[in-house]
C-alpha cells in the first residue's frame, strides 16, 4: 500500500506519457480499472520495473520494459506512473 511517506522517498511521480525519447524511469504504479492494471501487468508494467522510451510519434510511445519493446497510445501511457 502506498503512503505519502513512500511516495516522497521515491521522488516526483509523473505519467509515462511525459517522458522524453531516450529517458528511463521506474514504474511506481498503474492507475485505472482493475482490468487495465491487470493487462498492463501481464505486459511487464509492474512496480519497480525499469521502462525506457525508445521513440515517440504523435503522442504515442514505443518503450522497452522487461526486455520487450511495446507501443502504447497516449491514453494508456498516461495510466502508468513513473519516477525518473
N, C-alpha and C. Protein backbone atom coordinates (compact mmCIF):
# COMPACT_ATOMS: atom_id res chain seq x y z
N UNK A 1 0.84 -1.18 0.00
CA UNK A 1 0.00 0.00 0.00
C UNK A 1 0.89 1.24 0.00
N UNK A 2 0.55 2.22 -0.83
CA UNK A 2 1.32 3.46 -0.90
C UNK A 2 0.92 4.40 0.22
N UNK A 3 1.90 5.07 0.75
CA UNK A 3 1.64 6.13 1.72
C UNK A 3 2.33 7.37 1.23
N UNK A 4 1.98 8.53 1.81
CA UNK A 4 2.65 9.76 1.41
C UNK A 4 4.14 9.65 1.62
N UNK A 5 4.55 9.03 2.72
CA UNK A 5 5.97 8.89 3.03
C UNK A 5 6.67 8.07 1.95
N UNK A 6 6.06 6.96 1.52
CA UNK A 6 6.66 6.14 0.48
C UNK A 6 6.81 6.92 -0.81
N UNK A 7 5.80 7.68 -1.20
CA UNK A 7 5.84 8.47 -2.42
C UNK A 7 6.94 9.52 -2.36
N UNK A 8 7.10 10.15 -1.21
CA UNK A 8 8.13 11.18 -1.06
C UNK A 8 9.52 10.58 -1.21
N UNK A 9 9.72 9.36 -0.71
CA UNK A 9 11.03 8.72 -0.81
C UNK A 9 11.37 8.37 -2.25
N UNK A 10 10.39 8.08 -3.07
CA UNK A 10 10.63 7.68 -4.45
C UNK A 10 10.90 8.87 -5.36
N UNK A 11 10.58 10.05 -4.93
CA UNK A 11 10.76 11.22 -5.78
C UNK A 11 9.48 11.57 -6.51
N UNK A 12 9.57 12.57 -7.39
CA UNK A 12 8.37 13.03 -8.09
C UNK A 12 7.83 11.95 -9.03
N UNK A 13 6.51 11.85 -9.08
CA UNK A 13 5.86 10.89 -9.97
C UNK A 13 5.24 11.63 -11.14
N UNK A 14 5.31 11.02 -12.31
CA UNK A 14 4.67 11.58 -13.48
C UNK A 14 4.22 10.45 -14.38
N UNK A 15 3.27 10.73 -15.27
CA UNK A 15 2.83 9.69 -16.20
C UNK A 15 3.93 9.34 -17.20
N UNK A 16 3.99 8.10 -17.59
CA UNK A 16 4.95 7.66 -18.60
C UNK A 16 4.84 8.52 -19.86
N UNK A 17 3.65 8.99 -20.18
CA UNK A 17 3.44 9.82 -21.37
C UNK A 17 4.28 11.09 -21.36
N UNK A 18 4.74 11.52 -20.18
CA UNK A 18 5.51 12.75 -20.07
C UNK A 18 7.01 12.55 -20.31
N UNK A 19 7.48 11.31 -20.33
CA UNK A 19 8.91 11.07 -20.55
C UNK A 19 9.29 11.36 -21.99
N UNK A 20 10.50 11.85 -22.16
CA UNK A 20 11.00 12.14 -23.50
C UNK A 20 11.72 10.94 -24.09
N UNK A 21 11.95 11.01 -25.38
CA UNK A 21 12.67 9.97 -26.09
C UNK A 21 14.05 9.79 -25.46
N UNK A 22 14.43 8.55 -25.19
CA UNK A 22 15.73 8.26 -24.59
C UNK A 22 15.74 8.28 -23.07
N UNK A 23 14.65 8.70 -22.44
CA UNK A 23 14.60 8.76 -20.97
C UNK A 23 14.22 7.40 -20.39
N UNK A 24 14.74 7.14 -19.19
CA UNK A 24 14.47 5.90 -18.47
C UNK A 24 13.91 6.25 -17.10
N UNK A 25 12.97 5.44 -16.62
CA UNK A 25 12.35 5.67 -15.31
C UNK A 25 11.96 4.33 -14.71
N UNK A 26 11.47 4.37 -13.47
CA UNK A 26 10.98 3.17 -12.79
C UNK A 26 9.48 3.32 -12.54
N UNK A 27 8.75 2.25 -12.77
CA UNK A 27 7.31 2.26 -12.58
C UNK A 27 6.99 2.24 -11.09
N UNK A 28 6.09 3.14 -10.67
CA UNK A 28 5.70 3.20 -9.26
C UNK A 28 4.21 2.90 -9.08
N UNK A 29 3.49 2.72 -10.17
CA UNK A 29 2.08 2.38 -10.06
C UNK A 29 1.36 2.50 -11.38
N UNK A 30 0.19 1.89 -11.45
CA UNK A 30 -0.66 1.96 -12.63
C UNK A 30 -2.04 2.37 -12.16
N UNK A 31 -2.59 3.42 -12.77
CA UNK A 31 -3.92 3.90 -12.42
C UNK A 31 -4.94 3.32 -13.40
N UNK A 32 -6.19 3.25 -12.95
CA UNK A 32 -7.24 2.80 -13.83
C UNK A 32 -7.99 1.60 -13.28
N UNK A 33 -8.90 1.09 -14.09
CA UNK A 33 -9.72 -0.06 -13.72
C UNK A 33 -8.84 -1.29 -13.51
N UNK A 34 -9.32 -2.22 -12.70
CA UNK A 34 -8.52 -3.40 -12.38
C UNK A 34 -8.17 -4.21 -13.64
N UNK A 35 -9.08 -4.24 -14.62
CA UNK A 35 -8.80 -4.98 -15.86
C UNK A 35 -7.62 -4.35 -16.60
N UNK A 36 -7.58 -3.02 -16.63
CA UNK A 36 -6.48 -2.32 -17.28
C UNK A 36 -5.17 -2.56 -16.54
N UNK A 37 -5.21 -2.46 -15.21
CA UNK A 37 -4.00 -2.70 -14.41
C UNK A 37 -3.49 -4.12 -14.62
N UNK A 38 -4.39 -5.08 -14.65
CA UNK A 38 -4.02 -6.49 -14.87
C UNK A 38 -3.39 -6.67 -16.25
N UNK A 39 -4.01 -6.09 -17.27
CA UNK A 39 -3.49 -6.20 -18.64
C UNK A 39 -2.08 -5.62 -18.73
N UNK A 40 -1.88 -4.43 -18.18
CA UNK A 40 -0.56 -3.80 -18.24
C UNK A 40 0.46 -4.59 -17.43
N UNK A 41 0.03 -5.19 -16.31
CA UNK A 41 0.94 -6.02 -15.51
C UNK A 41 1.42 -7.24 -16.30
N UNK A 42 0.52 -7.85 -17.08
CA UNK A 42 0.93 -9.02 -17.87
C UNK A 42 1.92 -8.63 -18.96
N UNK A 43 1.92 -7.36 -19.35
CA UNK A 43 2.88 -6.87 -20.35
C UNK A 43 4.21 -6.47 -19.72
N UNK A 44 4.27 -6.45 -18.37
CA UNK A 44 5.52 -6.12 -17.69
C UNK A 44 5.52 -4.79 -16.97
N UNK A 45 4.41 -4.06 -17.02
CA UNK A 45 4.32 -2.76 -16.35
C UNK A 45 3.93 -2.96 -14.89
N UNK A 46 4.93 -3.33 -14.08
CA UNK A 46 4.72 -3.60 -12.66
C UNK A 46 5.62 -2.69 -11.84
N UNK A 47 5.24 -2.48 -10.57
CA UNK A 47 6.02 -1.62 -9.68
C UNK A 47 7.48 -2.05 -9.66
N UNK A 48 8.36 -1.09 -9.80
CA UNK A 48 9.79 -1.33 -9.73
C UNK A 48 10.45 -1.63 -11.06
N UNK A 49 9.66 -1.96 -12.08
CA UNK A 49 10.24 -2.29 -13.39
C UNK A 49 10.82 -1.03 -14.03
N UNK A 50 11.94 -1.21 -14.72
CA UNK A 50 12.56 -0.10 -15.44
C UNK A 50 11.92 -0.01 -16.82
N UNK A 51 11.59 1.20 -17.24
CA UNK A 51 10.98 1.42 -18.55
C UNK A 51 11.74 2.54 -19.25
N UNK A 52 12.03 2.34 -20.53
CA UNK A 52 12.75 3.34 -21.33
C UNK A 52 11.93 3.70 -22.55
N UNK A 53 11.91 4.99 -22.87
CA UNK A 53 11.20 5.46 -24.06
C UNK A 53 12.17 5.37 -25.25
N UNK A 54 11.81 4.55 -26.23
CA UNK A 54 12.63 4.37 -27.42
C UNK A 54 12.32 5.46 -28.43
N UNK A 55 11.03 5.71 -28.66
CA UNK A 55 10.64 6.76 -29.59
C UNK A 55 9.22 7.22 -29.30
N UNK A 56 8.90 8.39 -29.86
CA UNK A 56 7.58 8.99 -29.70
C UNK A 56 7.08 9.40 -31.08
N UNK A 57 5.80 9.12 -31.35
CA UNK A 57 5.19 9.51 -32.62
C UNK A 57 3.77 9.97 -32.35
N UNK A 58 3.50 11.24 -32.59
CA UNK A 58 2.16 11.81 -32.44
C UNK A 58 1.53 11.49 -31.09
N UNK A 59 2.31 11.55 -30.01
CA UNK A 59 1.78 11.30 -28.67
C UNK A 59 1.86 9.85 -28.23
N UNK A 60 2.03 8.94 -29.18
CA UNK A 60 2.20 7.52 -28.84
C UNK A 60 3.66 7.28 -28.50
N UNK A 61 3.94 6.24 -27.70
CA UNK A 61 5.32 5.95 -27.33
C UNK A 61 5.65 4.49 -27.61
N UNK A 62 6.90 4.26 -27.96
CA UNK A 62 7.44 2.91 -28.03
C UNK A 62 8.42 2.82 -26.88
N UNK A 63 8.24 1.80 -26.03
CA UNK A 63 9.06 1.66 -24.83
C UNK A 63 9.66 0.26 -24.77
N UNK A 64 10.69 0.14 -23.93
CA UNK A 64 11.19 -1.18 -23.57
C UNK A 64 10.92 -1.37 -22.09
N UNK A 65 10.40 -2.53 -21.75
CA UNK A 65 10.14 -2.89 -20.36
C UNK A 65 10.33 -4.40 -20.24
N UNK A 66 11.11 -4.82 -19.25
CA UNK A 66 11.37 -6.24 -19.01
C UNK A 66 11.82 -6.97 -20.28
N UNK A 67 12.67 -6.32 -21.07
CA UNK A 67 13.23 -6.95 -22.26
C UNK A 67 12.34 -6.95 -23.49
N UNK A 68 11.15 -6.39 -23.39
CA UNK A 68 10.23 -6.35 -24.53
C UNK A 68 10.08 -4.92 -25.03
N UNK A 69 9.86 -4.78 -26.32
CA UNK A 69 9.59 -3.47 -26.92
C UNK A 69 8.10 -3.42 -27.24
N UNK A 70 7.43 -2.40 -26.70
CA UNK A 70 5.97 -2.30 -26.83
C UNK A 70 5.57 -0.89 -27.24
N UNK A 71 4.48 -0.79 -27.98
CA UNK A 71 3.91 0.50 -28.34
C UNK A 71 2.67 0.77 -27.51
N UNK A 72 2.57 2.01 -27.01
CA UNK A 72 1.41 2.42 -26.21
C UNK A 72 0.87 3.74 -26.74
N UNK A 73 -0.46 3.86 -26.78
CA UNK A 73 -1.02 5.15 -27.14
C UNK A 73 -0.95 6.09 -25.93
N UNK A 74 -1.21 7.36 -26.17
CA UNK A 74 -1.10 8.36 -25.10
C UNK A 74 -2.02 8.02 -23.93
N UNK A 75 -3.23 7.55 -24.21
CA UNK A 75 -4.18 7.24 -23.14
C UNK A 75 -3.63 6.16 -22.21
N UNK A 76 -3.08 5.10 -22.77
CA UNK A 76 -2.51 4.02 -21.95
C UNK A 76 -1.30 4.51 -21.17
N UNK A 77 -0.42 5.25 -21.83
CA UNK A 77 0.81 5.68 -21.16
C UNK A 77 0.53 6.71 -20.07
N UNK A 78 -0.62 7.36 -20.11
CA UNK A 78 -1.00 8.28 -19.03
C UNK A 78 -1.41 7.54 -17.76
N UNK A 79 -1.73 6.26 -17.85
CA UNK A 79 -2.13 5.47 -16.68
C UNK A 79 -0.93 4.91 -15.91
N UNK A 80 0.24 4.90 -16.54
CA UNK A 80 1.44 4.32 -15.93
C UNK A 80 2.25 5.42 -15.27
N UNK A 81 2.38 5.35 -13.94
CA UNK A 81 3.11 6.37 -13.18
C UNK A 81 4.55 5.92 -12.96
N UNK A 82 5.48 6.86 -13.17
CA UNK A 82 6.91 6.55 -13.06
C UNK A 82 7.64 7.61 -12.25
N UNK A 83 8.84 7.26 -11.80
CA UNK A 83 9.77 8.23 -11.23
C UNK A 83 11.02 8.20 -12.10
N UNK A 84 11.45 9.38 -12.56
CA UNK A 84 12.65 9.44 -13.41
C UNK A 84 13.91 9.04 -12.66
